[in-house]
Amino acid sequence: AVLCDSTSNNQQCSNRRLGIVLERLQRPQQQCRRHHQGLLKERRAGE
């Protein structure tokens, strides 16, 4: 039973990840660029 539960949970997780990726792809490019620049700034600040 535990194995069945864990596999179904993994399936749900991968489905959720796919949904997030699809959402990102559907977003306008500008938002993606802004988000990417924000990540770069955070990395530089962290160094």
N, C-alpha and C. Protein backbone atom coordinates (compact mmCIF):
# COMPACT_ATOMS: atom_id res chain seq x y z
N ALA A 1 0.85 -1.21 0.00
CA ALA A 1 0.00 0.00 0.00
C ALA A 1 0.88 1.26 0.00
N VAL A 2 1.96 1.23 0.78
CA VAL A 2 2.85 2.39 0.86
C VAL A 2 3.47 2.67 -0.50
N LEU A 3 3.90 1.61 -1.20
CA LEU A 3 4.50 1.78 -2.52
C LEU A 3 3.51 2.42 -3.48
N CYS A 4 2.27 1.94 -3.47
CA CYS A 4 1.24 2.50 -4.35
C CYS A 4 1.06 3.99 -4.04
N ASP A 5 0.99 4.31 -2.76
CA ASP A 5 0.79 5.70 -2.37
C ASP A 5 1.94 6.57 -2.87
N SER A 6 3.16 6.10 -2.68
CA SER A 6 4.32 6.92 -3.05
C SER A 6 4.36 7.12 -4.57
N THR A 7 4.02 6.08 -5.34
CA THR A 7 4.07 6.23 -6.80
C THR A 7 3.00 7.20 -7.26
N SER A 8 1.82 7.12 -6.68
CA SER A 8 0.76 8.04 -7.10
C SER A 8 1.13 9.47 -6.69
N ASN A 9 1.78 9.62 -5.53
CA ASN A 9 2.23 10.95 -5.11
C ASN A 9 3.28 11.49 -6.08
N ASN A 10 4.20 10.62 -6.49
CA ASN A 10 5.23 11.05 -7.45
C ASN A 10 4.58 11.49 -8.75
N GLN A 11 3.56 10.74 -9.19
CA GLN A 11 2.87 11.10 -10.43
C GLN A 11 2.24 12.48 -10.28
N GLN A 12 1.60 12.73 -9.15
CA GLN A 12 0.98 14.04 -8.91
C GLN A 12 2.03 15.13 -8.92
N CYS A 13 3.18 14.87 -8.31
CA CYS A 13 4.25 15.86 -8.26
C CYS A 13 4.74 16.20 -9.66
N SER A 14 4.97 15.16 -10.49
CA SER A 14 5.47 15.41 -11.84
C SER A 14 4.41 16.13 -12.66
N ASN A 15 3.14 15.79 -12.46
CA ASN A 15 2.07 16.49 -13.16
C ASN A 15 2.06 17.96 -12.77
N ARG A 16 2.25 18.23 -11.50
CA ARG A 16 2.26 19.61 -11.01
C ARG A 16 3.43 20.36 -11.64
N ARG A 17 4.59 19.70 -11.67
CA ARG A 17 5.78 20.34 -12.27
C ARG A 17 5.53 20.66 -13.73
N LEU A 18 4.94 19.70 -14.46
CA LEU A 18 4.62 19.93 -15.87
C LEU A 18 3.71 21.13 -16.01
N GLY A 19 2.69 21.22 -15.15
CA GLY A 19 1.77 22.34 -15.20
C GLY A 19 2.48 23.66 -14.98
N ILE A 20 3.42 23.68 -14.03
CA ILE A 20 4.18 24.91 -13.74
C ILE A 20 5.01 25.29 -14.96
N VAL A 21 5.65 24.31 -15.59
CA VAL A 21 6.47 24.58 -16.78
C VAL A 21 5.60 25.14 -17.89
N LEU A 22 4.42 24.53 -18.09
CA LEU A 22 3.52 25.01 -19.15
C LEU A 22 3.08 26.43 -18.86
N GLU A 23 2.78 26.72 -17.60
CA GLU A 23 2.37 28.09 -17.23
C GLU A 23 3.48 29.07 -17.57
N ARG A 24 4.73 28.70 -17.26
CA ARG A 24 5.86 29.59 -17.54
C ARG A 24 5.99 29.83 -19.04
N LEU A 25 5.80 28.76 -19.83
CA LEU A 25 5.93 28.89 -21.28
C LEU A 25 4.86 29.82 -21.84
N GLN A 26 3.68 29.81 -21.20
CA GLN A 26 2.58 30.62 -21.71
C GLN A 26 2.71 32.08 -21.30
N ARG A 27 3.53 32.36 -20.30
CA ARG A 27 3.70 33.75 -19.86
C ARG A 27 4.43 34.57 -20.92
N PRO A 28 4.20 35.87 -20.95
CA PRO A 28 4.93 36.72 -21.89
C PRO A 28 6.43 36.71 -21.59
N GLN A 29 7.22 36.90 -22.66
CA GLN A 29 8.69 36.82 -22.51
C GLN A 29 9.21 37.88 -21.55
N GLN A 30 8.63 39.07 -21.57
CA GLN A 30 9.11 40.16 -20.70
C GLN A 30 9.15 39.72 -19.25
N GLN A 31 8.06 39.09 -18.79
CA GLN A 31 8.02 38.65 -17.39
C GLN A 31 9.15 37.68 -17.11
N CYS A 32 9.38 36.77 -18.07
CA CYS A 32 10.45 35.79 -17.88
C CYS A 32 11.79 36.49 -17.74
N ARG A 33 12.03 37.48 -18.61
CA ARG A 33 13.31 38.20 -18.57
C ARG A 33 13.46 38.92 -17.25
N ARG A 34 12.39 39.57 -16.81
CA ARG A 34 12.45 40.29 -15.53
C ARG A 34 12.79 39.33 -14.41
N HIS A 35 12.12 38.17 -14.42
CA HIS A 35 12.34 37.17 -13.39
C HIS A 35 13.80 36.70 -13.43
N HIS A 36 14.31 36.47 -14.65
CA HIS A 36 15.69 36.00 -14.80
C HIS A 36 16.67 37.04 -14.27
N GLN A 37 16.44 38.30 -14.61
CA GLN A 37 17.31 39.38 -14.12
C GLN A 37 17.27 39.43 -12.60
N GLY A 38 16.09 39.25 -12.02
CA GLY A 38 15.97 39.24 -10.57
C GLY A 38 16.80 38.13 -9.96
N LEU A 39 16.78 36.95 -10.59
CA LEU A 39 17.57 35.83 -10.09
C LEU A 39 19.06 36.16 -10.16
N LEU A 40 19.49 36.77 -11.27
CA LEU A 40 20.90 37.13 -11.41
C LEU A 40 21.31 38.12 -10.33
N LYS A 41 20.46 39.11 -10.07
CA LYS A 41 20.77 40.11 -9.03
C LYS A 41 20.90 39.43 -7.68
N GLU A 42 19.97 38.50 -7.39
CA GLU A 42 20.01 37.80 -6.11
C GLU A 42 21.32 37.02 -5.98
N ARG A 43 21.73 36.38 -7.08
CA ARG A 43 22.96 35.59 -7.04
C ARG A 43 24.15 36.50 -6.76
N ARG A 44 24.21 37.63 -7.44
CA ARG A 44 25.33 38.56 -7.24
C ARG A 44 25.34 39.07 -5.80
N ALA A 45 24.15 39.35 -5.28
CA ALA A 45 24.07 39.85 -3.90
C ALA A 45 24.52 38.77 -2.92
N GLY A 46 24.24 37.50 -3.26
CA GLY A 46 24.60 36.40 -2.37
C GLY A 46 26.08 36.11 -2.35
N GLU A 47 26.79 36.50 -3.44
CA GLU A 47 28.22 36.19 -3.51
C GLU A 47 29.06 37.09 -2.62
